[in-house]
Structure formats: structure tokens, C-alpha cells
Amino acid sequence: MGSAIINVRLRRSISIIIPAFNETKRLPSTLQTLRNYLDQSTWEFTEIVVVDDGSRDGTPDVARAAGARVLENPGNRGKGYSVRHGMLQAKGDWVLFTDADLSAPIDDLEKLWSEIERSGASIAIGSRAVDRSLIGVHQPRLRELSGQIFNVAMRMVTGLPFQDTQCGFKLFERRAAAAIFERQSLDGFGFDVEVLFIATRLGYRVVEVPVRWNNVPGTKVSLWQGMKGFLDPLQVRWNGIRGKYRD
């Protein structure tokens, strides 16, 4: 299963997936920013999908009031579960998942799309590591260092070539997303690694694109969860050895 050659005529429809847990404070401005961008874009059909991960603060109501389509998880299941839920329910020909804090600005979707057109890839992932000069506000030093160590360990374990698997700004052709996410199983921090591992195993071309990025305080991923995530590449590699991701 490989990637098809893409041309500009395929820029028909897009779904933007936002995993959300207790995001009533950030969602209104985020959804307005997304709507303003989409209203000025050339996409023929657009939708914003908020996947609520068992919030206790009225996040689904806020999202609906802002005009988003809302999917609700059966309780608090994790970001990996939320992204999978949204990606498999998306209606657009192209599907972007992004974080509720818009750490990567939505305007940089144009960078991902331009690289899709140029390369013919089915997947474009935003990266903070390809050009670190584009980082405006850095994470705390310990968190940033742990991320860099995670990437080195991830590449050694999985063989993936990407410099930044964890940036929450990734664009998929919907047929590729369906094939990948129906096989994806990790619900936690390491789901990005699993998704990219499956994509390469299925023969999809993935391009890594430098994007702007500004750390926004209030991350829902604790340092402990991040440390536990170091085990996820091992699980992904083991799943690959067992043939779990085969076509």
C-alpha cells in the first residue's frame, strides 16, 4: 500500500481534529482562530471536530456552542485514544490533528500542504527539531531535554528516521489515516510513534516539515506520563515483531 501522487485539485475538504480534556478556558479562542483561518481558506468543505476525553468542566458544551462537531470518549482514555477516535470519524479528504493550545499556529498548515504537493506524500508531520530557530517559546529545560533523549531512544528502538515524532501537528490523507489508525492501539504519550511506525510499515510516504512552535503553559501531559512514555517505543517495536501491524 503506497502513497498516491497528489495535485492541487485534491484540495477539496479537510477535517481538523482537536483532542480535549478540561479545555473550557482555551477552546473558545482556539476554535475562533481555526474558524477564521478556514473561512479565508480555499478548502471547499471544512469541519472542526473536538474529541472530548471525559472532561469535567463542560468542554463539550463550549465546543458545540462554538460550532464544532463533538465526539465524546467513554471516559478519560488518553490522547492516543482521542486522536484515533477523531481520525476515524473525520469526513474530510485530508485530516489534521492539532492541540487545543495551538502551539503550532494553524497558518503553518500551509507548510504541510505545500510539502504534500511537492513530494506526493500521504502524510506531513510538523517538526520542532528540523529548524529549532522557529521555536519562539521553549518548554522548560528539563522537559525539552527529556524530549530530545526520548527521540534518540525512539530512533534506536524503532528505526524511524524522524527528528520529532511528538509535535502535535500532523496532516494525513484520509485513506491513509483510516488504514493507520484502525491498527493503532496505544492510548498514551507514545501513540505518535506507533502511528508513524505503522505508516512506514504500510508503505506510506511521510515528510517531516519544520513549523513554528510556542510552548503554552498548562500541558495535560505530566512529567511522569512522559517518563512512562519511554516504554512505548519498546511496545511498538514488539508489536511490529509480532506482526500486529501487517496489511
Protein backbone atom coordinates (compact mmCIF):
# COMPACT_ATOMS: atom_id res chain seq x y z
CA MET A 1 0.00 0.00 0.00
CA GLY A 2 1.74 3.18 -1.11
CA SER A 3 1.09 6.88 -1.34
CA ALA A 4 -0.58 8.38 -4.39
CA ILE A 5 0.77 11.37 -6.28
CA ILE A 6 -1.04 14.46 -5.04
CA ASN A 7 -2.00 17.55 -7.02
CA VAL A 8 -3.69 20.79 -6.09
CA ARG A 9 -7.08 19.65 -7.37
CA LEU A 10 -7.32 17.29 -4.42
CA ARG A 11 -7.52 20.23 -2.01
CA ARG A 12 -11.25 19.69 -1.55
CA SER A 13 -12.05 19.03 2.06
CA ILE A 14 -10.35 18.97 5.44
CA SER A 15 -11.21 17.92 8.98
CA ILE A 16 -9.32 19.38 11.94
CA ILE A 17 -9.27 17.10 14.98
CA ILE A 18 -8.67 18.53 18.46
CA PRO A 19 -8.32 16.16 21.43
CA ALA A 20 -9.59 17.98 24.51
CA PHE A 21 -9.63 17.36 28.25
CA ASN A 22 -10.94 20.14 30.52
CA GLU A 23 -10.33 22.83 27.89
CA THR A 24 -13.15 25.33 28.51
CA LYS A 25 -10.69 28.19 29.01
CA ARG A 26 -8.67 27.66 25.83
CA LEU A 27 -11.24 26.27 23.42
CA PRO A 28 -13.26 29.42 22.62
CA SER A 29 -10.28 31.41 21.33
CA THR A 30 -8.76 28.33 19.66
CA LEU A 31 -11.96 27.48 17.80
CA GLN A 32 -12.42 31.10 16.73
CA THR A 33 -8.86 31.18 15.39
CA LEU A 34 -9.46 27.97 13.46
CA ARG A 35 -12.77 29.20 12.06
CA ASN A 36 -11.22 32.49 10.92
CA TYR A 37 -8.47 30.58 9.13
CA LEU A 38 -10.84 28.13 7.46
CA ASP A 39 -13.24 30.87 6.37
CA GLN A 40 -10.39 32.52 4.46
CA SER A 41 -9.01 29.28 3.01
CA THR A 42 -9.70 27.66 -0.36
CA TRP A 43 -10.96 24.37 1.06
CA GLU A 44 -14.43 23.56 -0.31
CA PHE A 45 -15.58 21.69 2.81
CA THR A 46 -14.21 22.09 6.32
CA GLU A 47 -15.08 20.77 9.74
CA ILE A 48 -13.66 21.15 13.23
CA VAL A 49 -14.02 18.07 15.40
CA VAL A 50 -13.43 18.27 19.15
CA VAL A 51 -12.92 14.90 20.83
CA ASP A 52 -13.79 15.23 24.49
CA ASP A 53 -11.78 12.89 26.70
CA GLY A 54 -14.08 12.68 29.69
CA SER A 55 -13.86 16.35 30.69
CA ARG A 56 -15.48 17.50 33.92
CA ASP A 57 -15.72 21.21 33.08
CA GLY A 58 -18.28 21.48 30.29
CA THR A 59 -15.82 21.20 27.42
CA PRO A 60 -18.37 19.51 25.07
CA ASP A 61 -20.90 22.32 25.59
CA VAL A 62 -18.30 25.00 24.93
CA ALA A 63 -17.20 23.23 21.76
CA ARG A 64 -20.74 22.85 20.45
CA ALA A 65 -21.53 26.47 21.21
CA ALA A 66 -18.56 27.46 19.05
CA GLY A 67 -19.86 25.38 16.15
CA ALA A 68 -17.57 22.35 16.40
CA ARG A 69 -18.68 18.76 15.92
CA VAL A 70 -18.16 16.94 19.21
CA LEU A 71 -17.22 13.32 19.77
CA GLU A 72 -17.19 12.02 23.34
CA ASN A 73 -14.95 9.23 24.62
CA PRO A 74 -16.29 6.67 27.09
CA GLY A 75 -14.45 8.30 29.98
CA ASN A 76 -10.91 9.61 30.22
CA ARG A 77 -8.96 7.38 27.83
CA GLY A 78 -5.91 9.42 26.82
CA LYS A 79 -4.70 11.47 23.88
CA GLY A 80 -3.92 8.45 21.70
CA TYR A 81 -7.48 7.18 22.06
CA SER A 82 -8.90 10.65 21.42
CA VAL A 83 -6.90 11.25 18.25
CA ARG A 84 -7.78 7.78 16.96
CA HIS A 85 -11.48 8.40 17.68
CA GLY A 86 -11.41 11.67 15.76
CA MET A 87 -9.32 10.48 12.83
CA LEU A 88 -11.59 7.51 12.18
CA GLN A 89 -14.71 9.68 12.27
CA ALA A 90 -13.39 12.50 10.07
CA LYS A 91 -15.29 13.40 6.90
CA GLY A 92 -12.63 15.39 5.04
CA ASP A 93 -10.33 14.06 2.32
CA TRP A 94 -7.49 15.37 4.49
CA VAL A 95 -7.31 15.23 8.27
CA LEU A 96 -5.15 17.38 10.55
CA PHE A 97 -4.83 16.79 14.24
CA THR A 98 -3.61 19.66 16.36
CA ASP A 99 -3.50 20.52 20.05
CA ALA A 100 -6.08 22.68 21.80
CA ASP A 101 -3.43 25.25 22.70
CA LEU A 102 -2.38 25.78 19.04
CA SER A 103 1.30 25.60 19.99
CA ALA A 104 1.89 25.23 16.27
CA PRO A 105 -0.08 28.02 14.56
CA ILE A 106 -2.81 26.87 12.20
CA ASP A 107 -1.33 29.03 9.42
CA ASP A 108 1.52 26.51 9.23
CA LEU A 109 -0.92 24.01 7.77
CA GLU A 110 0.07 25.70 4.50
CA LYS A 111 3.63 24.47 5.03
CA LEU A 112 2.43 20.91 5.46
CA TRP A 113 0.20 21.15 2.42
CA SER A 114 2.93 22.66 0.25
CA GLU A 115 5.22 19.76 1.10
CA ILE A 116 2.43 17.28 0.37
CA GLU A 117 2.00 18.83 -3.08
CA ARG A 118 5.73 18.94 -3.75
CA SER A 119 6.56 15.42 -2.63
CA GLY A 120 3.41 13.43 -3.31
CA ALA A 121 3.46 12.15 0.29
CA SER A 122 0.32 10.97 2.07
CA ILE A 123 1.40 12.33 5.47
CA ALA A 124 3.15 15.51 6.60
CA ILE A 125 4.23 15.95 10.22
CA GLY A 126 5.16 19.20 11.88
CA SER A 127 8.60 19.23 13.48
CA ARG A 128 10.27 21.41 16.07
CA ALA A 129 13.64 19.74 15.58
CA VAL A 130 14.31 20.29 11.88
CA ASP A 131 14.73 24.03 12.44
CA ARG A 132 14.86 24.96 16.12
CA SER A 133 15.13 28.66 15.26
CA LEU A 134 11.35 28.52 14.64
CA ILE A 135 10.69 27.81 18.33
CA GLY A 136 9.53 31.07 19.85
CA VAL A 137 8.82 29.96 23.43
CA HIS A 138 10.70 26.89 24.63
CA GLN A 139 9.47 24.26 27.06
CA PRO A 140 11.11 24.13 30.50
CA ARG A 141 14.66 22.87 30.03
CA LEU A 142 14.10 19.51 31.75
CA ARG A 143 11.04 18.72 29.61
CA GLU A 144 12.82 19.78 26.42
CA LEU A 145 15.88 17.69 27.29
CA SER A 146 13.74 14.64 28.09
CA GLY A 147 12.07 15.05 24.70
CA GLN A 148 15.41 15.04 22.93
CA ILE A 149 16.53 11.95 24.84
CA PHE A 150 13.22 10.28 24.03
CA ASN A 151 13.76 10.90 20.33
CA VAL A 152 17.23 9.36 20.37
CA ALA A 153 15.94 6.29 22.22
CA MET A 154 12.90 6.05 19.94
CA ARG A 155 15.03 6.08 16.79
CA MET A 156 17.33 3.40 18.17
CA VAL A 157 14.44 1.12 19.14
CA THR A 158 12.10 1.57 16.17
CA GLY A 159 14.42 2.57 13.34
CA LEU A 160 12.21 5.53 12.47
CA PRO A 161 14.18 8.44 10.94
CA PHE A 162 12.12 11.36 12.26
CA GLN A 163 13.70 14.06 14.39
CA ASP A 164 10.46 14.96 16.20
CA THR A 165 7.62 12.46 16.46
CA GLN A 166 5.83 14.24 19.31
CA CYS A 167 4.82 17.56 17.76
CA GLY A 168 1.01 17.56 17.83
CA PHE A 169 0.53 18.89 14.30
CA LYS A 170 0.13 16.17 11.67
CA LEU A 171 -1.72 16.04 8.35
CA PHE A 172 -2.99 12.79 6.81
CA GLU A 173 -4.73 11.82 3.61
CA ARG A 174 -7.93 10.26 4.94
CA ARG A 175 -7.48 6.85 3.32
CA ALA A 176 -4.03 6.62 4.89
CA ALA A 177 -5.45 7.74 8.24
CA ALA A 178 -8.11 5.03 8.12
CA ALA A 179 -5.58 2.29 7.40
CA ILE A 180 -3.17 3.53 10.07
CA PHE A 181 -5.48 4.42 12.93
CA GLU A 182 -7.55 1.25 12.74
CA ARG A 183 -4.30 -0.54 13.63
CA GLN A 184 -3.10 1.96 16.25
CA SER A 185 -3.63 0.80 19.83
CA LEU A 186 -1.59 2.91 22.28
CA ASP A 187 -3.71 5.41 24.20
CA GLY A 188 -0.93 7.39 25.87
CA PHE A 189 2.09 9.57 25.16
CA GLY A 190 3.73 7.26 22.64
CA PHE A 191 0.85 6.94 20.19
CA ASP A 192 2.60 9.28 17.71
CA VAL A 193 5.49 6.82 17.44
CA GLU A 194 3.09 3.96 16.83
CA VAL A 195 1.22 5.90 14.15
CA LEU A 196 4.41 6.73 12.24
CA PHE A 197 5.74 3.19 12.65
CA ILE A 198 2.54 1.78 11.16
CA ALA A 199 2.60 4.34 8.35
CA THR A 200 6.09 3.31 7.28
CA ARG A 201 5.25 -0.39 7.60
CA LEU A 202 2.26 0.10 5.28
CA GLY A 203 4.41 1.93 2.76
CA TYR A 204 3.05 5.45 3.14
CA ARG A 205 5.44 8.28 2.45
CA VAL A 206 5.87 10.65 5.40
CA VAL A 207 7.55 14.05 5.19
CA GLU A 208 8.82 16.00 8.21
CA VAL A 209 8.24 19.73 7.93
CA PRO A 210 9.68 22.49 10.16
CA VAL A 211 6.92 24.55 11.80
CA ARG A 212 6.76 27.44 14.20
CA TRP A 213 6.08 26.46 17.77
CA ASN A 214 5.49 28.25 21.07
CA ASN A 215 5.15 26.41 24.34
CA VAL A 216 1.88 27.19 26.11
CA PRO A 217 1.72 26.54 29.88
CA GLY A 218 -0.89 24.10 31.09
CA THR A 219 0.10 20.87 29.35
CA LYS A 220 -2.01 17.84 30.31
CA VAL A 221 0.98 15.51 29.97
CA SER A 222 2.74 15.19 33.31
CA LEU A 223 6.47 14.58 33.55
CA TRP A 224 5.68 11.13 34.99
CA GLN A 225 3.47 10.30 31.99
CA GLY A 226 6.27 11.47 29.74
CA MET A 227 8.74 9.20 31.50
CA LYS A 228 6.34 6.24 31.21
CA GLY A 229 6.16 7.06 27.51
CA PHE A 230 9.78 5.93 27.13
CA LEU A 231 8.43 2.36 27.25
CA ASP A 232 6.04 2.90 24.35
CA PRO A 233 8.63 2.57 21.54
CA LEU A 234 9.55 -0.81 23.01
CA GLN A 235 5.90 -1.85 22.84
CA VAL A 236 5.65 -0.58 19.26
CA ARG A 237 8.75 -2.50 18.25
CA TRP A 238 7.45 -5.66 19.91
CA ASN A 239 4.09 -5.26 18.17
CA GLY A 240 5.95 -4.94 14.88
CA ILE A 241 7.94 -8.10 15.52
CA ARG A 242 4.72 -9.98 16.31
CA GLY A 243 3.21 -8.79 13.01
CA LYS A 244 0.41 -6.82 14.63
CA TYR A 245 0.59 -4.01 12.06
CA ARG A 246 0.69 -6.14 8.92
CA ASP A 247 -1.50 -5.18 5.98
